[in-house]
Amino acid sequence: LGWKDVNDKLATDYLVSNWTPGNKALLQMALQSWMFSRLERWSATSWMEAIESKVQATLEEDDNEQRLTLWTDACSSFAFFENVEATSILEMALWQREIEYESSNNGG
């Protein structure tokens, strides 16, 4: 779901743009497996709450233009959280590598 097409749109963008009760239900299911499950794996409770709030506002919005704005904000926030998490994982891996290197050089 994170890949964009040749028009630089996500599959979920089309669901948000073509709002029907069926598309709303499909978007809710897709977000549960795409966004929310990732945040749960990271144990990022505050991030999860922030994204859930943004997504809920998107799902409840009847105005198409406002819904697209809310959706863009939710996706941008999620991308930010992903980047922060990726950076944290990289920092931990580098830190662990340094500890292992120092330990092996000190006879440990």
PDB file of N, CA and C in Angstrom:
ATOM      1  N   LEU A   1       0.801  -1.205   0.000  1.00  0.00           N
ATOM      2  CA  LEU A   1       0.000   0.000   0.000  1.00  0.00           C
ATOM      3  C   LEU A   1       0.841   1.266   0.000  1.00  0.00           C
ATOM      4  N   GLY A   2       2.104   1.130   0.274  1.00  0.00           N
ATOM      5  CA  GLY A   2       2.961   2.296   0.345  1.00  0.00           C
ATOM      6  C   GLY A   2       3.542   2.712  -0.997  1.00  0.00           C
ATOM      7  N   TRP A   3       3.243   1.977  -2.046  1.00  0.00           N
ATOM      8  CA  TRP A   3       3.813   2.300  -3.355  1.00  0.00           C
ATOM      9  C   TRP A   3       2.887   3.215  -4.133  1.00  0.00           C
ATOM     10  N   LYS A   4       3.514   4.133  -4.865  1.00  0.00           N
ATOM     11  CA  LYS A   4       2.743   5.073  -5.681  1.00  0.00           C
ATOM     12  C   LYS A   4       2.730   4.616  -7.135  1.00  0.00           C
ATOM     13  N   ASP A   5       1.674   5.008  -7.837  1.00  0.00           N
ATOM     14  CA  ASP A   5       1.562   4.668  -9.254  1.00  0.00           C
ATOM     15  C   ASP A   5       2.211   5.753 -10.116  1.00  0.00           C
ATOM     16  N   VAL A   6       2.030   5.665 -11.418  1.00  0.00           N
ATOM     17  CA  VAL A   6       2.655   6.634 -12.328  1.00  0.00           C
ATOM     18  C   VAL A   6       2.106   8.043 -12.131  1.00  0.00           C
ATOM     19  N   ASN A   7       0.938   8.159 -11.512  1.00  0.00           N
ATOM     20  CA  ASN A   7       0.347   9.464 -11.220  1.00  0.00           C
ATOM     21  C   ASN A   7       0.751   9.979  -9.840  1.00  0.00           C
ATOM     22  N   ASP A   8       1.726   9.301  -9.212  1.00  0.00           N
ATOM     23  CA  ASP A   8       2.236   9.662  -7.887  1.00  0.00           C
ATOM     24  C   ASP A   8       1.146   9.572  -6.816  1.00  0.00           C
ATOM     25  N   LYS A   9       0.260   8.560  -6.963  1.00  0.00           N
ATOM     26  CA  LYS A   9      -0.817   8.357  -5.999  1.00  0.00           C
ATOM     27  C   LYS A   9      -0.725   6.966  -5.397  1.00  0.00           C
ATOM     28  N   LEU A  10      -1.094   6.894  -4.125  1.00  0.00           N
ATOM     29  CA  LEU A  10      -1.219   5.617  -3.449  1.00  0.00           C
ATOM     30  C   LEU A  10      -2.573   5.003  -3.791  1.00  0.00           C
ATOM     31  N   ALA A  11      -2.687   3.701  -3.651  1.00  0.00           N
ATOM     32  CA  ALA A  11      -3.978   3.046  -3.866  1.00  0.00           C
ATOM     33  C   ALA A  11      -5.030   3.636  -2.932  1.00  0.00           C
ATOM     34  N   THR A  12      -4.616   3.934  -1.712  1.00  0.00           N
ATOM     35  CA  THR A  12      -5.544   4.511  -0.740  1.00  0.00           C
ATOM     36  C   THR A  12      -6.007   5.913  -1.133  1.00  0.00           C
ATOM     37  N   ASP A  13      -5.195   6.639  -1.895  1.00  0.00           N
ATOM     38  CA  ASP A  13      -5.606   7.970  -2.366  1.00  0.00           C
ATOM     39  C   ASP A  13      -6.867   7.871  -3.222  1.00  0.00           C
ATOM     40  N   TYR A  14      -6.950   6.821  -4.035  1.00  0.00           N
ATOM     41  CA  TYR A  14      -8.122   6.630  -4.890  1.00  0.00           C
ATOM     42  C   TYR A  14      -9.361   6.316  -4.059  1.00  0.00           C
ATOM     43  N   LEU A  15      -9.178   5.550  -2.982  1.00  0.00           N
ATOM     44  CA  LEU A  15     -10.309   5.256  -2.100  1.00  0.00           C
ATOM     45  C   LEU A  15     -10.828   6.525  -1.448  1.00  0.00           C
ATOM     46  N   VAL A  16      -9.921   7.387  -1.011  1.00  0.00           N
ATOM     47  CA  VAL A  16     -10.308   8.636  -0.355  1.00  0.00           C
ATOM     48  C   VAL A  16     -10.974   9.582  -1.357  1.00  0.00           C
ATOM     49  N   SER A  17     -10.498   9.590  -2.586  1.00  0.00           N
ATOM     50  CA  SER A  17     -11.033  10.484  -3.613  1.00  0.00           C
ATOM     51  C   SER A  17     -12.403  10.043  -4.125  1.00  0.00           C
ATOM     52  N   ASN A  18     -12.640   8.755  -4.142  1.00  0.00           N
ATOM     53  CA  ASN A  18     -13.896   8.196  -4.656  1.00  0.00           C
ATOM     54  C   ASN A  18     -14.685   7.614  -3.487  1.00  0.00           C
ATOM     55  N   TRP A  19     -15.206   8.496  -2.656  1.00  0.00           N
ATOM     56  CA  TRP A  19     -15.772   8.126  -1.366  1.00  0.00           C
ATOM     57  C   TRP A  19     -17.132   7.455  -1.510  1.00  0.00           C
ATOM     58  N   THR A  20     -17.204   6.217  -1.089  1.00  0.00           N
ATOM     59  CA  THR A  20     -18.454   5.466  -1.005  1.00  0.00           C
ATOM     60  C   THR A  20     -18.400   4.684   0.309  1.00  0.00           C
ATOM     61  N   PRO A  21     -19.523   4.205   0.801  1.00  0.00           N
ATOM     62  CA  PRO A  21     -19.480   3.377   2.019  1.00  0.00           C
ATOM     63  C   PRO A  21     -18.563   2.154   1.865  1.00  0.00           C
ATOM     64  N   GLY A  22     -18.564   1.549   0.683  1.00  0.00           N
ATOM     65  CA  GLY A  22     -17.684   0.406   0.436  1.00  0.00           C
ATOM     66  C   GLY A  22     -16.212   0.787   0.472  1.00  0.00           C
ATOM     67  N   ASN A  23     -15.875   1.915  -0.139  1.00  0.00           N
ATOM     68  CA  ASN A  23     -14.481   2.379  -0.125  1.00  0.00           C
ATOM     69  C   ASN A  23     -14.044   2.784   1.278  1.00  0.00           C
ATOM     70  N   LYS A  24     -14.968   3.345   2.054  1.00  0.00           N
ATOM     71  CA  LYS A  24     -14.654   3.706   3.441  1.00  0.00           C
ATOM     72  C   LYS A  24     -14.305   2.444   4.234  1.00  0.00           C
ATOM     73  N   ALA A  25     -15.111   1.395   4.086  1.00  0.00           N
ATOM     74  CA  ALA A  25     -14.855   0.129   4.790  1.00  0.00           C
ATOM     75  C   ALA A  25     -13.543  -0.500   4.321  1.00  0.00           C
ATOM     76  N   LEU A  26     -13.288  -0.443   3.025  1.00  0.00           N
ATOM     77  CA  LEU A  26     -12.046  -0.998   2.478  1.00  0.00           C
ATOM     78  C   LEU A  26     -10.831  -0.227   2.994  1.00  0.00           C
ATOM     79  N   LEU A  27     -10.952   1.089   3.067  1.00  0.00           N
ATOM     80  CA  LEU A  27      -9.860   1.912   3.584  1.00  0.00           C
ATOM     81  C   LEU A  27      -9.590   1.590   5.054  1.00  0.00           C
ATOM     82  N   GLN A  28     -10.637   1.423   5.839  1.00  0.00           N
ATOM     83  CA  GLN A  28     -10.455   1.075   7.250  1.00  0.00           C
ATOM     84  C   GLN A  28      -9.694  -0.244   7.393  1.00  0.00           C
ATOM     85  N   MET A  29     -10.057  -1.253   6.609  1.00  0.00           N
ATOM     86  CA  MET A  29      -9.373  -2.547   6.671  1.00  0.00           C
ATOM     87  C   MET A  29      -7.920  -2.431   6.219  1.00  0.00           C
ATOM     88  N   ALA A  30      -7.695  -1.691   5.145  1.00  0.00           N
ATOM     89  CA  ALA A  30      -6.332  -1.531   4.619  1.00  0.00           C
ATOM     90  C   ALA A  30      -5.438  -0.816   5.625  1.00  0.00           C
ATOM     91  N   LEU A  31      -5.969   0.202   6.271  1.00  0.00           N
ATOM     92  CA  LEU A  31      -5.175   0.958   7.241  1.00  0.00           C
ATOM     93  C   LEU A  31      -4.848   0.126   8.467  1.00  0.00           C
ATOM     94  N   GLN A  32      -5.743  -0.763   8.843  1.00  0.00           N
ATOM     95  CA  GLN A  32      -5.476  -1.617   9.997  1.00  0.00           C
ATOM     96  C   GLN A  32      -4.237  -2.469   9.751  1.00  0.00           C
ATOM     97  N   SER A  33      -4.114  -3.011   8.542  1.00  0.00           N
ATOM     98  CA  SER A  33      -2.953  -3.864   8.262  1.00  0.00           C
ATOM     99  C   SER A  33      -1.731  -3.065   7.827  1.00  0.00           C
ATOM    100  N   TRP A  34      -1.915  -1.895   7.247  1.00  0.00           N
ATOM    101  CA  TRP A  34      -0.784  -1.139   6.719  1.00  0.00           C
ATOM    102  C   TRP A  34      -0.194  -0.198   7.756  1.00  0.00           C
ATOM    103  N   MET A  35      -0.976   0.718   8.272  1.00  0.00           N
ATOM    104  CA  MET A  35      -0.458   1.717   9.208  1.00  0.00           C
ATOM    105  C   MET A  35      -0.448   1.214  10.643  1.00  0.00           C
ATOM    106  N   PHE A  36      -1.601   0.810  11.114  1.00  0.00           N
ATOM    107  CA  PHE A  36      -1.746   0.531  12.540  1.00  0.00           C
ATOM    108  C   PHE A  36      -0.923  -0.665  12.996  1.00  0.00           C
ATOM    109  N   SER A  37      -0.842  -1.702  12.183  1.00  0.00           N
ATOM    110  CA  SER A  37      -0.064  -2.872  12.606  1.00  0.00           C
ATOM    111  C   SER A  37       1.426  -2.533  12.712  1.00  0.00           C
ATOM    112  N   ARG A  38       1.925  -1.672  11.851  1.00  0.00           N
ATOM    113  CA  ARG A  38       3.327  -1.243  11.952  1.00  0.00           C
ATOM    114  C   ARG A  38       3.585  -0.491  13.246  1.00  0.00           C
ATOM    115  N   LEU A  39       2.690   0.425  13.553  1.00  0.00           N
ATOM    116  CA  LEU A  39       2.854   1.211  14.771  1.00  0.00           C
ATOM    117  C   LEU A  39       2.763   0.329  16.011  1.00  0.00           C
ATOM    118  N   GLU A  40       1.907  -0.675  15.966  1.00  0.00           N
ATOM    119  CA  GLU A  40       1.805  -1.607  17.095  1.00  0.00           C
ATOM    120  C   GLU A  40       3.109  -2.380  17.273  1.00  0.00           C
ATOM    121  N   ARG A  41       3.718  -2.811  16.171  1.00  0.00           N
ATOM    122  CA  ARG A  41       4.986  -3.554  16.251  1.00  0.00           C
ATOM    123  C   ARG A  41       6.090  -2.699  16.850  1.00  0.00           C
ATOM    124  N   TRP A  42       6.054  -1.403  16.609  1.00  0.00           N
ATOM    125  CA  TRP A  42       7.083  -0.512  17.140  1.00  0.00           C
ATOM    126  C   TRP A  42       6.804  -0.137  18.587  1.00  0.00           C
ATOM    127  N   SER A  43       5.636  -0.539  19.101  1.00  0.00           N
ATOM    128  CA  SER A  43       5.202  -0.150  20.453  1.00  0.00           C
ATOM    129  C   SER A  43       5.182   1.371  20.601  1.00  0.00           C
ATOM    130  N   ALA A  44       4.748   2.023  19.560  1.00  0.00           N
ATOM    131  CA  ALA A  44       4.720   3.486  19.515  1.00  0.00           C
ATOM    132  C   ALA A  44       3.311   3.973  19.858  1.00  0.00           C
ATOM    133  N   THR A  45       2.965   3.906  21.128  1.00  0.00           N
ATOM    134  CA  THR A  45       1.603   4.211  21.566  1.00  0.00           C
ATOM    135  C   THR A  45       1.191   5.644  21.234  1.00  0.00           C
ATOM    136  N   SER A  46       2.049   6.601  21.514  1.00  0.00           N
ATOM    137  CA  SER A  46       1.676   7.997  21.245  1.00  0.00           C
ATOM    138  C   SER A  46       1.524   8.246  19.741  1.00  0.00           C
ATOM    139  N   TRP A  47       2.396   7.622  18.947  1.00  0.00           N
ATOM    140  CA  TRP A  47       2.274   7.767  17.500  1.00  0.00           C
ATOM    141  C   TRP A  47       0.982   7.114  17.016  1.00  0.00           C
ATOM    142  N   MET A  48       0.669   5.949  17.576  1.00  0.00           N
ATOM    143  CA  MET A  48      -0.535   5.222  17.202  1.00  0.00           C
ATOM    144  C   MET A  48      -1.771   6.081  17.474  1.00  0.00           C
ATOM    145  N   GLU A  49      -1.797   6.704  18.641  1.00  0.00           N
ATOM    146  CA  GLU A  49      -2.933   7.557  18.990  1.00  0.00           C
ATOM    147  C   GLU A  49      -3.044   8.749  18.043  1.00  0.00           C
ATOM    148  N   ALA A  50      -1.921   9.345  17.705  1.00  0.00           N
ATOM    149  CA  ALA A  50      -1.934  10.499  16.795  1.00  0.00           C
ATOM    150  C   ALA A  50      -2.444  10.105  15.413  1.00  0.00           C
ATOM    151  N   ILE A  51      -1.948   8.987  14.892  1.00  0.00           N
ATOM    152  CA  ILE A  51      -2.372   8.537  13.561  1.00  0.00           C
ATOM    153  C   ILE A  51      -3.837   8.109  13.587  1.00  0.00           C
ATOM    154  N   GLU A  52      -4.238   7.371  14.613  1.00  0.00           N
ATOM    155  CA  GLU A  52      -5.640   6.949  14.706  1.00  0.00           C
ATOM    156  C   GLU A  52      -6.573   8.154  14.713  1.00  0.00           C
ATOM    157  N   SER A  53      -6.188   9.202  15.423  1.00  0.00           N
ATOM    158  CA  SER A  53      -7.001  10.415  15.476  1.00  0.00           C
ATOM    159  C   SER A  53      -7.121  11.051  14.091  1.00  0.00           C
ATOM    160  N   LYS A  54      -6.008  11.133  13.391  1.00  0.00           N
ATOM    161  CA  LYS A  54      -6.014  11.731  12.043  1.00  0.00           C
ATOM    162  C   LYS A  54      -6.831  10.890  11.067  1.00  0.00           C
ATOM    163  N   VAL A  55      -6.682   9.579  11.148  1.00  0.00           N
ATOM    164  CA  VAL A  55      -7.431   8.690  10.251  1.00  0.00           C
ATOM    165  C   VAL A  55      -8.922   8.748  10.568  1.00  0.00           C
ATOM    166  N   GLN A  56      -9.266   8.747  11.856  1.00  0.00           N
ATOM    167  CA  GLN A  56     -10.677   8.828  12.240  1.00  0.00           C
ATOM    168  C   GLN A  56     -11.306  10.115  11.724  1.00  0.00           C
ATOM    169  N   ALA A  57     -10.588  11.218  11.832  1.00  0.00           N
ATOM    170  CA  ALA A  57     -11.095  12.495  11.300  1.00  0.00           C
ATOM    171  C   ALA A  57     -11.305  12.398   9.797  1.00  0.00           C
ATOM    172  N   THR A  58     -10.391  11.727   9.109  1.00  0.00           N
ATOM    173  CA  THR A  58     -10.514  11.543   7.665  1.00  0.00           C
ATOM    174  C   THR A  58     -11.756  10.724   7.332  1.00  0.00           C
ATOM    175  N   LEU A  59     -11.954   9.631   8.056  1.00  0.00           N
ATOM    176  CA  LEU A  59     -13.086   8.739   7.779  1.00  0.00           C
ATOM    177  C   LEU A  59     -14.434   9.396   8.070  1.00  0.00           C
ATOM    178  N   GLU A  60     -14.451  10.315   9.017  1.00  0.00           N
ATOM    179  CA  GLU A  60     -15.711  10.967   9.399  1.00  0.00           C
ATOM    180  C   GLU A  60     -16.036  12.199   8.557  1.00  0.00           C
ATOM    181  N   GLU A  61     -15.073  12.675   7.782  1.00  0.00           N
ATOM    182  CA  GLU A  61     -15.264  13.915   7.011  1.00  0.00           C
ATOM    183  C   GLU A  61     -16.128  13.660   5.776  1.00  0.00           C
ATOM    184  N   ASP A  62     -17.154  14.498   5.581  1.00  0.00           N
ATOM    185  CA  ASP A  62     -18.028  14.362   4.420  1.00  0.00           C
ATOM    186  C   ASP A  62     -17.570  15.216   3.239  1.00  0.00           C
ATOM    187  N   ASP A  63     -16.880  16.310   3.514  1.00  0.00           N
ATOM    188  CA  ASP A  63     -16.412  17.203   2.456  1.00  0.00           C
ATOM    189  C   ASP A  63     -15.190  16.593   1.766  1.00  0.00           C
ATOM    190  N   ASN A  64     -15.273  16.384   0.453  1.00  0.00           N
ATOM    191  CA  ASN A  64     -14.190  15.725  -0.288  1.00  0.00           C
ATOM    192  C   ASN A  64     -12.860  16.449  -0.167  1.00  0.00           C
ATOM    193  N   GLU A  65     -12.867  17.752  -0.330  1.00  0.00           N
ATOM    194  CA  GLU A  65     -11.622  18.522  -0.286  1.00  0.00           C
ATOM    195  C   GLU A  65     -10.981  18.457   1.104  1.00  0.00           C
ATOM    196  N   GLN A  66     -11.805  18.619   2.129  1.00  0.00           N
ATOM    197  CA  GLN A  66     -11.294  18.553   3.503  1.00  0.00           C
ATOM    198  C   GLN A  66     -10.800  17.143   3.821  1.00  0.00           C
ATOM    199  N   ARG A  67     -11.515  16.118   3.340  1.00  0.00           N
ATOM    200  CA  ARG A  67     -11.090  14.735   3.575  1.00  0.00           C
ATOM    201  C   ARG A  67      -9.726  14.481   2.943  1.00  0.00           C
ATOM    202  N   LEU A  68      -9.505  14.977   1.730  1.00  0.00           N
ATOM    203  CA  LEU A  68      -8.201  14.816   1.069  1.00  0.00           C
ATOM    204  C   LEU A  68      -7.098  15.526   1.851  1.00  0.00           C
ATOM    205  N   THR A  69      -7.404  16.702   2.388  1.00  0.00           N
ATOM    206  CA  THR A  69      -6.422  17.432   3.198  1.00  0.00           C
ATOM    207  C   THR A  69      -6.077  16.647   4.463  1.00  0.00           C
ATOM    208  N   LEU A  70      -7.095  16.131   5.126  1.00  0.00           N
ATOM    209  CA  LEU A  70      -6.867  15.332   6.332  1.00  0.00           C
ATOM    210  C   LEU A  70      -6.077  14.062   6.010  1.00  0.00           C
ATOM    211  N   TRP A  71      -6.410  13.440   4.880  1.00  0.00           N
ATOM    212  CA  TRP A  71      -5.716  12.224   4.465  1.00  0.00           C
ATOM    213  C   TRP A  71      -4.244  12.509   4.172  1.00  0.00           C
ATOM    214  N   THR A  72      -3.968  13.594   3.489  1.00  0.00           N
ATOM    215  CA  THR A  72      -2.587  13.976   3.194  1.00  0.00           C
ATOM    216  C   THR A  72      -1.811  14.197   4.488  1.00  0.00           C
ATOM    217  N   ASP A  73      -2.452  14.852   5.451  1.00  0.00           N
ATOM    218  CA  ASP A  73      -1.817  15.085   6.747  1.00  0.00           C
ATOM    219  C   ASP A  73      -1.526  13.760   7.464  1.00  0.00           C
ATOM    220  N   ALA A  74      -2.473  12.835   7.439  1.00  0.00           N
ATOM    221  CA  ALA A  74      -2.274  11.530   8.084  1.00  0.00           C
ATOM    222  C   ALA A  74      -1.116  10.769   7.429  1.00  0.00           C
ATOM    223  N   CYS A  75      -1.067  10.778   6.115  1.00  0.00           N
ATOM    224  CA  CYS A  75       0.018  10.080   5.393  1.00  0.00           C
ATOM    225  C   CYS A  75       1.371  10.728   5.665  1.00  0.00           C
ATOM    226  N   SER A  76       1.401  12.050   5.697  1.00  0.00           N
ATOM    227  CA  SER A  76       2.655  12.759   5.988  1.00  0.00           C
ATOM    228  C   SER A  76       3.145  12.444   7.398  1.00  0.00           C
ATOM    229  N   SER A  77       2.229  12.414   8.343  1.00  0.00           N
ATOM    230  CA  SER A  77       2.604  12.080   9.722  1.00  0.00           C
ATOM    231  C   SER A  77       3.128  10.661   9.806  1.00  0.00           C
ATOM    232  N   PHE A  78       2.472   9.741   9.118  1.00  0.00           N
ATOM    233  CA  PHE A  78       2.915   8.352   9.141  1.00  0.00           C
ATOM    234  C   PHE A  78       4.311   8.218   8.516  1.00  0.00           C
ATOM    235  N   ALA A  79       4.545   8.914   7.409  1.00  0.00           N
ATOM    236  CA  ALA A  79       5.868   8.880   6.771  1.00  0.00           C
ATOM    237  C   ALA A  79       6.932   9.445   7.715  1.00  0.00           C
ATOM    238  N   PHE A  80       6.602  10.503   8.415  1.00  0.00           N
ATOM    239  CA  PHE A  80       7.531  11.075   9.396  1.00  0.00           C
ATOM    240  C   PHE A  80       7.858  10.046  10.475  1.00  0.00           C
ATOM    241  N   PHE A  81       6.829   9.401  11.013  1.00  0.00           N
ATOM    242  CA  PHE A  81       7.038   8.389  12.055  1.00  0.00           C
ATOM    243  C   PHE A  81       7.892   7.241  11.535  1.00  0.00           C
ATOM    244  N   GLU A  82       7.658   6.834  10.292  1.00  0.00           N
ATOM    245  CA  GLU A  82       8.470   5.767   9.702  1.00  0.00           C
ATOM    246  C   GLU A  82       9.942   6.172   9.619  1.00  0.00           C
ATOM    247  N   ASN A  83      10.188   7.394   9.201  1.00  0.00           N
ATOM    248  CA  ASN A  83      11.568   7.879   9.103  1.00  0.00           C
ATOM    249  C   ASN A  83      12.244   7.955  10.462  1.00  0.00           C
ATOM    250  N   VAL A  84      11.514   8.407  11.465  1.00  0.00           N
ATOM    251  CA  VAL A  84      12.069   8.477  12.823  1.00  0.00           C
ATOM    252  C   VAL A  84      12.395   7.071  13.311  1.00  0.00           C
ATOM    253  N   GLU A  85      11.487   6.135  13.088  1.00  0.00           N
ATOM    254  CA  GLU A  85      11.710   4.759  13.539  1.00  0.00           C
ATOM    255  C   GLU A  85      12.891   4.129  12.802  1.00  0.00           C
ATOM    256  N   ALA A  86      12.977   4.343  11.497  1.00  0.00           N
ATOM    257  CA  ALA A  86      14.097   3.788  10.724  1.00  0.00           C
ATOM    258  C   ALA A  86      15.426   4.351  11.218  1.00  0.00           C
ATOM    259  N   THR A  87      15.442   5.636  11.513  1.00  0.00           N
ATOM    260  CA  THR A  87      16.660   6.268  12.029  1.00  0.00           C
ATOM    261  C   THR A  87      17.027   5.675  13.385  1.00  0.00           C
ATOM    262  N   SER A  88      16.046   5.466  14.236  1.00  0.00           N
ATOM    263  CA  SER A  88      16.301   4.886  15.562  1.00  0.00           C
ATOM    264  C   SER A  88      16.870   3.480  15.443  1.00  0.00           C
ATOM    265  N   ILE A  89      16.314   2.680  14.548  1.00  0.00           N
ATOM    266  CA  ILE A  89      16.806   1.317  14.354  1.00  0.00           C
ATOM    267  C   ILE A  89      18.239   1.337  13.832  1.00  0.00           C
ATOM    268  N   LEU A  90      18.522   2.229  12.897  1.00  0.00           N
ATOM    269  CA  LEU A  90      19.880   2.350  12.364  1.00  0.00           C
ATOM    270  C   LEU A  90      20.855   2.776  13.462  1.00  0.00           C
ATOM    271  N   GLU A  91      20.472   3.751  14.275  1.00  0.00           N
ATOM    272  CA  GLU A  91      21.332   4.200  15.368  1.00  0.00           C
ATOM    273  C   GLU A  91      21.614   3.065  16.353  1.00  0.00           C
ATOM    274  N   MET A  92      20.589   2.276  16.671  1.00  0.00           N
ATOM    275  CA  MET A  92      20.793   1.153  17.593  1.00  0.00           C
ATOM    276  C   MET A  92      21.727   0.110  16.992  1.00  0.00           C
ATOM    277  N   ALA A  93      21.577  -0.161  15.700  1.00  0.00           N
ATOM    278  CA  ALA A  93      22.442  -1.148  15.046  1.00  0.00           C
ATOM    279  C   ALA A  93      23.891  -0.671  15.039  1.00  0.00           C
ATOM    280  N   LEU A  94      24.110   0.604  14.741  1.00  0.00           N
ATOM    281  CA  LEU A  94      25.466   1.145  14.742  1.00  0.00           C
ATOM    282  C   LEU A  94      26.059   1.138  16.147  1.00  0.00           C
ATOM    283  N   TRP A  95      25.266   1.470  17.131  1.00  0.00           N
ATOM    284  CA  TRP A  95      25.711   1.463  18.517  1.00  0.00           C
ATOM    285  C   TRP A  95      26.090   0.044  18.950  1.00  0.00           C
ATOM    286  N   GLN A  96      25.253  -0.936  18.585  1.00  0.00           N
ATOM    287  CA  GLN A  96      25.549  -2.327  18.926  1.00  0.00           C
ATOM    288  C   GLN A  96      26.826  -2.795  18.228  1.00  0.00           C
ATOM    289  N   ARG A  97      26.999  -2.411  16.992  1.00  0.00           N
ATOM    290  CA  ARG A  97      28.206  -2.789  16.243  1.00  0.00           C
ATOM    291  C   ARG A  97      29.448  -2.218  16.919  1.00  0.00           C
ATOM    292  N   GLU A  98      29.375  -0.964  17.372  1.00  0.00           N
ATOM    293  CA  GLU A  98      30.498  -0.334  18.061  1.00  0.00           C
ATOM    294  C   GLU A  98      30.827  -1.063  19.359  1.00  0.00           C
ATOM    295  N   ILE A  99      29.819  -1.433  20.100  1.00  0.00           N
ATOM    296  CA  ILE A  99      30.047  -2.179  21.350  1.00  0.00           C
ATOM    297  C   ILE A  99      30.703  -3.523  21.060  1.00  0.00           C
ATOM    298  N   GLU A 100      30.219  -4.222  20.048  1.00  0.00           N
ATOM    299  CA  GLU A 100      30.805  -5.523  19.689  1.00  0.00           C
ATOM    300  C   GLU A 100      32.252  -5.351  19.243  1.00  0.00           C
ATOM    301  N   TYR A 101      32.527  -4.299  18.501  1.00  0.00           N
ATOM    302  CA  TYR A 101      33.881  -4.038  18.022  1.00  0.00           C
ATOM    303  C   TYR A 101      34.814  -3.761  19.199  1.00  0.00           C
ATOM    304  N   GLU A 102      34.387  -2.887  20.108  1.00  0.00           N
ATOM    305  CA  GLU A 102      35.206  -2.570  21.284  1.00  0.00           C
ATOM    306  C   GLU A 102      35.396  -3.791  22.167  1.00  0.00           C
ATOM    307  N   SER A 103      34.374  -4.591  22.301  1.00  0.00           N
ATOM    308  CA  SER A 103      34.469  -5.802  23.124  1.00  0.00           C
ATOM    309  C   SER A 103      35.466  -6.801  22.538  1.00  0.00           C
ATOM    310  N   SER A 104      35.450  -6.952  21.219  1.00  0.00           N
ATOM    311  CA  SER A 104      36.374  -7.904  20.584  1.00  0.00           C
ATOM    312  C   SER A 104      37.812  -7.389  20.630  1.00  0.00           C
ATOM    313  N   ASN A 105      38.008  -6.098  20.609  1.00  0.00           N
ATOM    314  CA  ASN A 105      39.364  -5.514  20.693  1.00  0.00           C
ATOM    315  C   ASN A 105      39.918  -5.498  22.110  1.00  0.00           C
ATOM    316  N   ASN A 106      39.011  -5.600  23.088  1.00  0.00           N
ATOM    317  CA  ASN A 106      39.445  -5.597  24.479  1.00  0.00           C
ATOM    318  C   ASN A 106      39.486  -7.001  25.077  1.00  0.00           C
ATOM    319  N   GLY A 107      39.396  -7.996  24.210  1.00  0.00           N
ATOM    320  CA  GLY A 107      39.494  -9.378  24.678  1.00  0.00           C
ATOM    321  C   GLY A 107      38.214  -9.905  25.292  1.00  0.00           C
ATOM    322  N   GLY A 108      37.070  -9.208  25.064  1.00  0.00           N
ATOM    323  CA  GLY A 108      35.815  -9.603  25.678  1.00  0.00           C
ATOM    324  C   GLY A 108      34.958 -10.421  24.844  1.00  0.00           C
TER     325      GLY A 108
END
